Structure formats: C-alpha cells, structure tokens
C-alpha atoms as a PDB file:
ATOM      1  CA  MET A   1      98.686 102.801 123.102  1.00  0.00           C
ATOM      2  CA  THR A   2     100.764 105.383 121.283  1.00  0.00           C
ATOM      3  CA  THR A   3     104.404 106.264 120.999  1.00  0.00           C
ATOM      4  CA  ASP A   4     106.449 109.170 121.824  1.00  0.00           C
ATOM      5  CA  THR A   5     109.748 107.613 121.112  1.00  0.00           C
ATOM      6  CA  PRO A   6     111.038 109.833 118.066  1.00  0.00           C
ATOM      7  CA  ARG A   7     111.838 107.953 115.162  1.00  0.00           C
ATOM      8  CA  THR A   8     115.590 108.216 115.141  1.00  0.00           C
ATOM      9  CA  PRO A   9     117.462 108.575 111.774  1.00  0.00           C
ATOM     10  CA  LEU A  10     120.358 106.380 110.711  1.00  0.00           C
ATOM     11  CA  PRO A  11     123.364 107.407 109.115  1.00  0.00           C
ATOM     12  CA  ASP A  12     122.446 106.847 105.687  1.00  0.00           C
ATOM     13  CA  GLY A  13     119.137 108.969 106.224  1.00  0.00           C
ATOM     14  CA  ARG A  14     116.708 105.831 106.883  1.00  0.00           C
ATOM     15  CA  SER A  15     114.602 106.020 109.725  1.00  0.00           C
ATOM     16  CA  VAL A  16     114.443 103.311 112.659  1.00  0.00           C
ATOM     17  CA  PRO A  17     111.564 101.390 112.740  1.00  0.00           C
ATOM     18  CA  LEU A  18     108.971 102.415 115.388  1.00  0.00           C
ATOM     19  CA  MET A  19     110.105 100.332 118.684  1.00  0.00           C
ATOM     20  CA  THR A  20     106.618 100.452 120.542  1.00  0.00           C
ATOM     21  CA  GLY A  21     103.317 101.667 119.896  1.00  0.00           C
ATOM     22  CA  ASP A  22     100.557 100.797 117.933  1.00  0.00           C
ATOM     23  CA  GLU A  23     100.396  97.965 115.653  1.00  0.00           C
ATOM     24  CA  ARG A  24      99.263  99.773 112.390  1.00  0.00           C
ATOM     25  CA  PRO A  25     101.918 102.969 112.693  1.00  0.00           C
ATOM     26  CA  MET A  26     104.630 100.253 113.428  1.00  0.00           C
ATOM     27  CA  LEU A  27     103.948  97.520 110.296  1.00  0.00           C
ATOM     28  CA  GLU A  28     103.902 101.154 108.558  1.00  0.00           C
ATOM     29  CA  SER A  29     107.324 102.100 109.905  1.00  0.00           C
ATOM     30  CA  TRP A  30     108.874  98.356 109.045  1.00  0.00           C
ATOM     31  CA  LEU A  31     107.562  98.821 105.601  1.00  0.00           C
ATOM     32  CA  ALA A  32     108.578 102.573 105.012  1.00  0.00           C
ATOM     33  CA  PHE A  33     112.131 101.222 106.583  1.00  0.00           C
ATOM     34  CA  HIS A  34     112.667  98.397 104.172  1.00  0.00           C
ATOM     35  CA  ARG A  35     111.514 100.169 101.041  1.00  0.00           C
ATOM     36  CA  ALA A  36     114.056 102.535 101.892  1.00  0.00           C
ATOM     37  CA  THR A  37     116.380 100.213 102.058  1.00  0.00           C
ATOM     38  CA  LEU A  38     115.588  98.969  98.422  1.00  0.00           C
ATOM     39  CA  GLU A  39     116.257 102.733  97.367  1.00  0.00           C
ATOM     40  CA  LEU A  40     119.096 103.376  99.177  1.00  0.00           C
ATOM     41  CA  LYS A  41     120.910  99.457  97.666  1.00  0.00           C
ATOM     42  CA  CYS A  42     120.349 101.071  94.062  1.00  0.00           C
ATOM     43  CA  ALA A  43     121.580 104.706  95.339  1.00  0.00           C
ATOM     44  CA  GLY A  44     124.708 106.209  93.094  1.00  0.00           C
ATOM     45  CA  LEU A  45     124.425 102.983  90.436  1.00  0.00           C
ATOM     46  CA  ASP A  46     124.161 103.656  86.855  1.00  0.00           C
ATOM     47  CA  ASP A  47     121.729 101.625  84.644  1.00  0.00           C
ATOM     48  CA  THR A  48     124.622  99.195  83.483  1.00  0.00           C
ATOM     49  CA  GLN A  49     125.470  98.467  87.267  1.00  0.00           C
ATOM     50  CA  VAL A  50     121.663  98.320  88.347  1.00  0.00           C
ATOM     51  CA  ARG A  51     121.949  95.481  85.562  1.00  0.00           C
ATOM     52  CA  LEU A  52     124.506  92.954  86.306  1.00  0.00           C
ATOM     53  CA  ALA A  53     123.370  89.670  87.679  1.00  0.00           C
ATOM     54  CA  SER A  54     124.318  88.385  91.421  1.00  0.00           C
ATOM     55  CA  ALA A  55     125.864  85.378  90.049  1.00  0.00           C
ATOM     56  CA  GLU A  56     125.252  82.550  87.480  1.00  0.00           C
ATOM     57  CA  PRO A  57     122.867  80.894  86.720  1.00  0.00           C
ATOM     58  CA  SER A  58     120.617  83.554  88.193  1.00  0.00           C
ATOM     59  CA  SER A  59     119.679  86.819  86.256  1.00  0.00           C
ATOM     60  CA  LEU A  60     118.485  88.205  89.513  1.00  0.00           C
ATOM     61  CA  THR A  61     119.244  92.086  88.961  1.00  0.00           C
ATOM     62  CA  LEU A  62     118.750  95.462  91.210  1.00  0.00           C
ATOM     63  CA  LEU A  63     116.460  96.659  88.676  1.00  0.00           C
ATOM     64  CA  GLY A  64     114.870  93.805  88.012  1.00  0.00           C
ATOM     65  CA  LEU A  65     114.186  93.729  91.776  1.00  0.00           C
ATOM     66  CA  VAL A  66     112.865  97.363  91.330  1.00  0.00           C
ATOM     67  CA  GLN A  67     110.444  96.087  89.018  1.00  0.00           C
ATOM     68  CA  HIS A  68     109.380  93.180  91.085  1.00  0.00           C
ATOM     69  CA  LEU A  69     108.915  95.300  93.924  1.00  0.00           C
ATOM     70  CA  ALA A  70     107.072  97.761  91.878  1.00  0.00           C
ATOM     71  CA  GLU A  71     104.356  94.767  90.784  1.00  0.00           C
ATOM     72  CA  VAL A  72     104.207  93.544  94.150  1.00  0.00           C
ATOM     73  CA  GLU A  73     102.947  96.753  95.523  1.00  0.00           C
ATOM     74  CA  ARG A  74     100.043  96.788  92.713  1.00  0.00           C
ATOM     75  CA  ILE A  75      99.313  93.242  93.240  1.00  0.00           C
ATOM     76  CA  TRP A  76      98.749  93.186  97.149  1.00  0.00           C
ATOM     77  CA  PHE A  77      97.350  96.854  97.629  1.00  0.00           C
ATOM     78  CA  GLN A  78      95.351  97.240  94.464  1.00  0.00           C
ATOM     79  CA  ARG A  79      94.390  93.951  92.911  1.00  0.00           C
ATOM     80  CA  VAL A  80      93.931  91.854  96.531  1.00  0.00           C
ATOM     81  CA  LEU A  81      93.122  94.801  99.065  1.00  0.00           C
ATOM     82  CA  ALA A  82      90.628  97.447  96.683  1.00  0.00           C
ATOM     83  CA  GLY A  83      89.758  94.367  94.630  1.00  0.00           C
ATOM     84  CA  LEU A  84      90.618  96.641  91.181  1.00  0.00           C
ATOM     85  CA  ASP A  85      91.354  94.999  88.003  1.00  0.00           C
ATOM     86  CA  VAL A  86      94.680  96.329  86.716  1.00  0.00           C
ATOM     87  CA  PRO A  87      97.224  95.481  84.336  1.00  0.00           C
ATOM     88  CA  PRO A  88     100.864  95.013  85.350  1.00  0.00           C
ATOM     89  CA  VAL A  89     103.071  97.788  85.549  1.00  0.00           C
ATOM     90  CA  PHE A  90     105.167  96.643  83.051  1.00  0.00           C
ATOM     91  CA  GLU A  91     104.562  94.403  80.172  1.00  0.00           C
ATOM     92  CA  GLU A  92     106.331  91.359  81.851  1.00  0.00           C
ATOM     93  CA  GLU A  93     103.935  89.959  84.206  1.00  0.00           C
ATOM     94  CA  THR A  94     106.884  89.445  87.046  1.00  0.00           C
ATOM     95  CA  GLY A  95     108.584  92.725  86.473  1.00  0.00           C
ATOM     96  CA  TYR A  96     112.028  90.482  86.483  1.00  0.00           C
ATOM     97  CA  ALA A  97     112.294  90.645  83.094  1.00  0.00           C
ATOM     98  CA  LEU A  98     115.093  93.668  81.490  1.00  0.00           C
ATOM     99  CA  ASP A  99     113.654  96.063  78.776  1.00  0.00           C
ATOM    100  CA  PRO A 100     116.849  97.558  77.386  1.00  0.00           C
ATOM    101  CA  GLY A 101     114.902 100.731  77.140  1.00  0.00           C
ATOM    102  CA  ARG A 102     113.861 100.976  80.451  1.00  0.00           C
ATOM    103  CA  GLY A 103     116.173 102.431  83.097  1.00  0.00           C
ATOM    104  CA  LEU A 104     116.605 102.632  86.695  1.00  0.00           C
ATOM    105  CA  GLU A 105     114.956 105.851  86.784  1.00  0.00           C
ATOM    106  CA  GLU A 106     112.108 105.398  85.117  1.00  0.00           C
ATOM    107  CA  SER A 107     111.592 101.887  87.098  1.00  0.00           C
ATOM    108  CA  LEU A 108     112.060 103.569  90.556  1.00  0.00           C
ATOM    109  CA  ALA A 109     109.209 106.439  89.297  1.00  0.00           C
ATOM    110  CA  ALA A 110     106.978 103.592  88.512  1.00  0.00           C
ATOM    111  CA  TRP A 111     108.157 101.865  92.042  1.00  0.00           C
ATOM    112  CA  ARG A 112     107.147 105.020  93.733  1.00  0.00           C
ATOM    113  CA  ARG A 113     103.997 105.571  91.925  1.00  0.00           C
ATOM    114  CA  GLU A 114     102.647 102.629  93.705  1.00  0.00           C
ATOM    115  CA  ILE A 115     103.546 103.038  97.026  1.00  0.00           C
ATOM    116  CA  THR A 116     101.582 106.054  96.930  1.00  0.00           C
ATOM    117  CA  ARG A 117      98.745 104.627  95.262  1.00  0.00           C
ATOM    118  CA  GLY A 118      99.039 101.177  97.672  1.00  0.00           C
ATOM    119  CA  GLN A 119      98.989 104.074 100.686  1.00  0.00           C
ATOM    120  CA  GLU A 120      95.788 105.854  98.984  1.00  0.00           C
ATOM    121  CA  LEU A 121      94.213 102.796  99.315  1.00  0.00           C
ATOM    122  CA  CYS A 122      95.369 102.198 102.638  1.00  0.00           C
ATOM    123  CA  ALA A 123      94.005 105.428 104.154  1.00  0.00           C
ATOM    124  CA  GLY A 124      91.277 105.032 106.321  1.00  0.00           C
ATOM    125  CA  ARG A 125      91.000 101.334 105.763  1.00  0.00           C
ATOM    126  CA  SER A 126      90.686  99.178 109.237  1.00  0.00           C
ATOM    127  CA  LEU A 127      93.749  96.835 109.825  1.00  0.00           C
ATOM    128  CA  ASP A 128      90.637  93.876 109.957  1.00  0.00           C
ATOM    129  CA  ASP A 129      89.478  95.218 106.320  1.00  0.00           C
ATOM    130  CA  THR A 130      89.847  92.074 104.182  1.00  0.00           C
ATOM    131  CA  GLY A 131      90.424  91.773 100.115  1.00  0.00           C
ATOM    132  CA  ARG A 132      90.672  88.694  98.572  1.00  0.00           C
ATOM    133  CA  ILE A 133      93.975  86.996  96.771  1.00  0.00           C
ATOM    134  CA  GLY A 134      93.234  86.457  92.700  1.00  0.00           C
ATOM    135  CA  GLY A 135      95.509  84.095  91.700  1.00  0.00           C
ATOM    136  CA  GLY A 136      98.043  81.006  92.488  1.00  0.00           C
ATOM    137  CA  PRO A 137      97.834  78.480  94.794  1.00  0.00           C
ATOM    138  CA  LEU A 138      95.890  81.030  97.499  1.00  0.00           C
ATOM    139  CA  ALA A 139      93.227  81.935  95.140  1.00  0.00           C
ATOM    140  CA  GLY A 140      90.329  82.968  96.704  1.00  0.00           C
ATOM    141  CA  ALA A 141      91.643  83.331 100.179  1.00  0.00           C
ATOM    142  CA  GLU A 142      90.456  86.080 101.968  1.00  0.00           C
ATOM    143  CA  VAL A 143      93.252  88.419 103.571  1.00  0.00           C
ATOM    144  CA  SER A 144      93.292  91.391 105.671  1.00  0.00           C
ATOM    145  CA  LEU A 145      95.000  94.798 105.313  1.00  0.00           C
ATOM    146  CA  ARG A 146      96.952  93.523 108.996  1.00  0.00           C
ATOM    147  CA  TRP A 147      97.919  90.263 106.797  1.00  0.00           C
ATOM    148  CA  VAL A 148      98.884  92.107 103.658  1.00  0.00           C
ATOM    149  CA  LEU A 149     101.022  94.724 105.528  1.00  0.00           C
ATOM    150  CA  MET A 150     103.146  91.825 107.473  1.00  0.00           C
ATOM    151  CA  HIS A 151     103.689  89.681 103.822  1.00  0.00           C
ATOM    152  CA  MET A 152     104.379  93.036 102.689  1.00  0.00           C
ATOM    153  CA  VAL A 153     107.217  93.512 105.518  1.00  0.00           C
ATOM    154  CA  GLU A 154     108.422  89.602 104.735  1.00  0.00           C
ATOM    155  CA  GLU A 155     108.503  90.439 100.630  1.00  0.00           C
ATOM    156  CA  TYR A 156     110.972  93.497 101.015  1.00  0.00           C
ATOM    157  CA  ALA A 157     113.222  91.882 103.820  1.00  0.00           C
ATOM    158  CA  ARG A 158     113.787  88.988 101.478  1.00  0.00           C
ATOM    159  CA  HIS A 159     114.250  90.665  98.417  1.00  0.00           C
ATOM    160  CA  ASN A 160     116.578  93.311 100.514  1.00  0.00           C
ATOM    161  CA  GLY A 161     118.370  90.305 101.394  1.00  0.00           C
ATOM    162  CA  HIS A 162     119.287  89.738  97.820  1.00  0.00           C
ATOM    163  CA  ALA A 163     119.916  93.495  97.178  1.00  0.00           C
ATOM    164  CA  ASP A 164     122.729  93.577  99.747  1.00  0.00           C
ATOM    165  CA  ILE A 165     124.425  90.848  97.971  1.00  0.00           C
ATOM    166  CA  LEU A 166     123.522  92.024  94.321  1.00  0.00           C
ATOM    167  CA  ARG A 167     125.241  95.678  95.299  1.00  0.00           C
ATOM    168  CA  GLU A 168     128.451  94.001  97.172  1.00  0.00           C
ATOM    169  CA  ARG A 169     129.207  92.637  93.983  1.00  0.00           C
ATOM    170  CA  ILE A 170     128.554  95.440  92.175  1.00  0.00           C
ATOM    171  CA  ASP A 171     130.307  97.846  94.190  1.00  0.00           C
ATOM    172  CA  GLY A 172     131.459  96.184  97.278  1.00  0.00           C
ATOM    173  CA  VAL A 173     129.321  98.472  99.402  1.00  0.00           C
ATOM    174  CA  THR A 174     127.528  96.447 102.371  1.00  0.00           C
ATOM    175  CA  GLY A 175     125.314  97.417 105.524  1.00  0.00           C
ATOM    176  CA  TRP A 176     121.864  97.294 106.597  1.00  0.00           C
END
C-alpha cells in the first residue's frame, strides 16, 4: 500500500507524519517528526539558555538532551543494527554531561551527523533485518530494524516531553 496523502507542513515548518501508507515510510516519518521537534525546541536559544536545568534536583538540560540523542542515534543504528565498534560521540558515555567548551551548535552538528550516518546504514535494509544489543539488561538480544525504528520514535517522544518542559522554563514557549 502506498499513500497519495501530501505531508502537510505545520506552521512551525515540521511535516505531519504520514497517516496512511506503508509501514516503513510511516515509521520514518514519525522519527523525522520527532527529530524536527527536538531541533525546534532548541531554536532561537543561546548556549546559556540550553544549559538551564529543568528543576532541582535534576540536572537535565536541552543541551544534554541533544548530546544524549546523538549517542542514542549512534548506539542503535551503528552499534546495534550495523554491528560497528564505534566510540561514544562525546567523551562522556551518556552525553548528558555538559562540557564548558561544547556549545549548542557543535552538539547539534554532531547529532545531525549521527542521524545522517544512521540513515545511510538503514538504506537498503529490510524492516526484518536484525542486529544485536551489545550491553545492558538486554545484552545479546536480537532486534529488527522495525523494532529499532519503533524504539527510536518512543525515545524521542519521551525526551521531547522533557524538552517541552525545559523550553517552557527557559522562555515560556509552549507547543507540540
């Protein structure tokens, strides 16, 4: 099944995810929507603002989320799906830690590179192609590209909820 439904842009420039059609384009459109949402939550902010934590005792920041999601992109597409032995994107394994010398533009550029590399590695693969989880409580488990894409949508959706709260705290901007 294919779709003839045009992807309607929202007033903020993001495309509404596909509502009908084949599974893979739908999953990819939802992931693209959530990636664009994270970038939108950072738009127009300076390095000081993206370092503002949500609320004590949490040290979560928008900059930390961007760094974390760069790591998540690398982990799931390069390490798990492609089986590559690659180092962390940043020195810190989680990416949440804030380096005084690393600002928003550098972090967004690294995040965008990880997205591009992940897309390259997924091109030509079937949703049923698999990789293996390397560590944590699910170490060794086999997962399909389908599962990875669904997990990535969930990962971004959860963290975009955090980004909503952070952005509202920074300058009062709300929206979905």
